[in-house]
Amino acid sequence: MLLNDAIALGENGSWLEAQVRVSPGTKIPSSKTQWFVMLRDTSNKSFVLADNDDQPIASEDMSALAELIRQIGLKEFTVFL
């Protein structure tokens, strides 16, 4: 889901929840953990949050992801380890 589209849908109240999960390629102990955002809409469909170039958004900074989640209209999210 492109970020701009996610923000527009959030303004309409389309999102039920956001989940922050460990990015699959970062389970190596020596690497830092990267996180990505999954969104679930009112139809129970799930989407990976992507930038406007359609690249999945992943970050080591949980605060940055929290700010993105706020931008799309949600106030809470669940973290999965």
C-alpha atoms as a PDB file:
ATOM      1  CA  MET A   1       0.000   0.000   0.000  1.00  0.00           C
ATOM      2  CA  LEU A   2       1.565   3.265  -1.107  1.00  0.00           C
ATOM      3  CA  LEU A   3       2.019   5.801   1.679  1.00  0.00           C
ATOM      4  CA  ASN A   4      -0.064   8.533   0.011  1.00  0.00           C
ATOM      5  CA  ASP A   5      -2.887   6.048  -0.648  1.00  0.00           C
ATOM      6  CA  ALA A   6      -2.707   4.808   2.951  1.00  0.00           C
ATOM      7  CA  ILE A   7      -2.985   8.387   4.255  1.00  0.00           C
ATOM      8  CA  ALA A   8      -6.004   9.069   2.002  1.00  0.00           C
ATOM      9  CA  LEU A   9      -7.721   5.863   3.121  1.00  0.00           C
ATOM     10  CA  GLY A  10      -6.940   6.704   6.745  1.00  0.00           C
ATOM     11  CA  GLU A  11      -8.787   9.998   6.383  1.00  0.00           C
ATOM     12  CA  ASN A  12     -11.870   7.932   5.483  1.00  0.00           C
ATOM     13  CA  GLY A  13     -11.424   5.630   8.500  1.00  0.00           C
ATOM     14  CA  SER A  14     -10.543   2.611   6.369  1.00  0.00           C
ATOM     15  CA  TRP A  15      -7.892   1.157   8.709  1.00  0.00           C
ATOM     16  CA  LEU A  16      -8.719  -1.169  11.586  1.00  0.00           C
ATOM     17  CA  GLU A  17      -5.205  -1.721  12.830  1.00  0.00           C
ATOM     18  CA  ALA A  18      -1.490  -1.452  12.237  1.00  0.00           C
ATOM     19  CA  GLN A  19       1.088  -4.071  13.124  1.00  0.00           C
ATOM     20  CA  VAL A  20       4.837  -3.569  13.317  1.00  0.00           C
ATOM     21  CA  ARG A  21       6.807  -6.722  12.577  1.00  0.00           C
ATOM     22  CA  VAL A  22      10.434  -7.775  12.298  1.00  0.00           C
ATOM     23  CA  SER A  23      11.613  -7.576   8.708  1.00  0.00           C
ATOM     24  CA  PRO A  24      12.332 -11.119   7.452  1.00  0.00           C
ATOM     25  CA  GLY A  25      15.927 -10.443   6.378  1.00  0.00           C
ATOM     26  CA  THR A  26      17.150  -9.150   9.762  1.00  0.00           C
ATOM     27  CA  LYS A  27      17.133 -12.190  12.031  1.00  0.00           C
ATOM     28  CA  ILE A  28      20.932 -12.491  11.912  1.00  0.00           C
ATOM     29  CA  PRO A  29      22.234 -11.744  15.444  1.00  0.00           C
ATOM     30  CA  SER A  30      24.962  -9.386  14.239  1.00  0.00           C
ATOM     31  CA  SER A  31      22.563  -7.176  12.244  1.00  0.00           C
ATOM     32  CA  LYS A  32      20.339  -4.501  13.685  1.00  0.00           C
ATOM     33  CA  THR A  33      16.644  -5.207  13.678  1.00  0.00           C
ATOM     34  CA  GLN A  34      14.577  -3.666  10.920  1.00  0.00           C
ATOM     35  CA  TRP A  35      10.821  -3.311  11.321  1.00  0.00           C
ATOM     36  CA  PHE A  36       8.014  -2.919   8.781  1.00  0.00           C
ATOM     37  CA  VAL A  37       4.333  -1.940   9.008  1.00  0.00           C
ATOM     38  CA  MET A  38       1.355  -4.120   8.095  1.00  0.00           C
ATOM     39  CA  LEU A  39      -2.061  -2.486   7.811  1.00  0.00           C
ATOM     40  CA  ARG A  40      -5.449  -4.202   8.086  1.00  0.00           C
ATOM     41  CA  ASP A  41      -8.496  -2.550   6.557  1.00  0.00           C
ATOM     42  CA  THR A  42     -12.208  -2.780   7.365  1.00  0.00           C
ATOM     43  CA  SER A  43     -12.513  -5.733   4.930  1.00  0.00           C
ATOM     44  CA  ASN A  44      -9.823  -7.595   6.930  1.00  0.00           C
ATOM     45  CA  LYS A  45      -7.333  -7.372   4.053  1.00  0.00           C
ATOM     46  CA  SER A  46      -3.695  -6.861   5.023  1.00  0.00           C
ATOM     47  CA  PHE A  47      -1.197  -4.591   3.284  1.00  0.00           C
ATOM     48  CA  VAL A  48       2.508  -3.860   3.665  1.00  0.00           C
ATOM     49  CA  LEU A  49       3.110  -0.107   3.949  1.00  0.00           C
ATOM     50  CA  ALA A  50       5.337   1.087   1.091  1.00  0.00           C
ATOM     51  CA  ASP A  51       6.809   4.423   0.077  1.00  0.00           C
ATOM     52  CA  ASN A  52       5.439   6.202  -2.970  1.00  0.00           C
ATOM     53  CA  ASP A  53       7.985   4.393  -5.173  1.00  0.00           C
ATOM     54  CA  ASP A  54       6.341   1.102  -4.076  1.00  0.00           C
ATOM     55  CA  GLN A  55       9.305   0.006  -1.926  1.00  0.00           C
ATOM     56  CA  PRO A  56       8.369  -1.504   1.465  1.00  0.00           C
ATOM     57  CA  ILE A  57       9.096   0.903   4.310  1.00  0.00           C
ATOM     58  CA  ALA A  58      11.468  -0.698   6.821  1.00  0.00           C
ATOM     59  CA  SER A  59      13.307   1.053   9.623  1.00  0.00           C
ATOM     60  CA  GLU A  60      15.356   0.423  12.738  1.00  0.00           C
ATOM     61  CA  ASP A  61      13.638   3.459  14.296  1.00  0.00           C
ATOM     62  CA  MET A  62      10.345   2.454  15.933  1.00  0.00           C
ATOM     63  CA  SER A  63       9.540   6.136  16.585  1.00  0.00           C
ATOM     64  CA  ALA A  64       9.700   6.903  12.866  1.00  0.00           C
ATOM     65  CA  LEU A  65       7.289   4.059  12.140  1.00  0.00           C
ATOM     66  CA  ALA A  66       4.982   5.258  14.921  1.00  0.00           C
ATOM     67  CA  GLU A  67       4.877   8.679  13.255  1.00  0.00           C
ATOM     68  CA  LEU A  68       3.955   7.093   9.901  1.00  0.00           C
ATOM     69  CA  ILE A  69       1.171   5.157  11.599  1.00  0.00           C
ATOM     70  CA  ARG A  70      -0.154   8.408  13.100  1.00  0.00           C
ATOM     71  CA  GLN A  71      -0.050  10.016   9.646  1.00  0.00           C
ATOM     72  CA  ILE A  72      -2.357   7.336   8.266  1.00  0.00           C
ATOM     73  CA  GLY A  73      -4.877   7.993  11.019  1.00  0.00           C
ATOM     74  CA  LEU A  74      -4.229   5.325  13.664  1.00  0.00           C
ATOM     75  CA  LYS A  75      -3.353   6.010  17.276  1.00  0.00           C
ATOM     76  CA  GLU A  76      -2.283   2.516  18.322  1.00  0.00           C
ATOM     77  CA  PHE A  77      -0.316  -0.374  16.860  1.00  0.00           C
ATOM     78  CA  THR A  78       0.775  -3.860  17.885  1.00  0.00           C
ATOM     79  CA  VAL A  79       4.408  -4.982  17.789  1.00  0.00           C
ATOM     80  CA  PHE A  80       5.202  -8.594  16.897  1.00  0.00           C
ATOM     81  CA  LEU A  81       8.648  -9.943  17.743  1.00  0.00           C
END
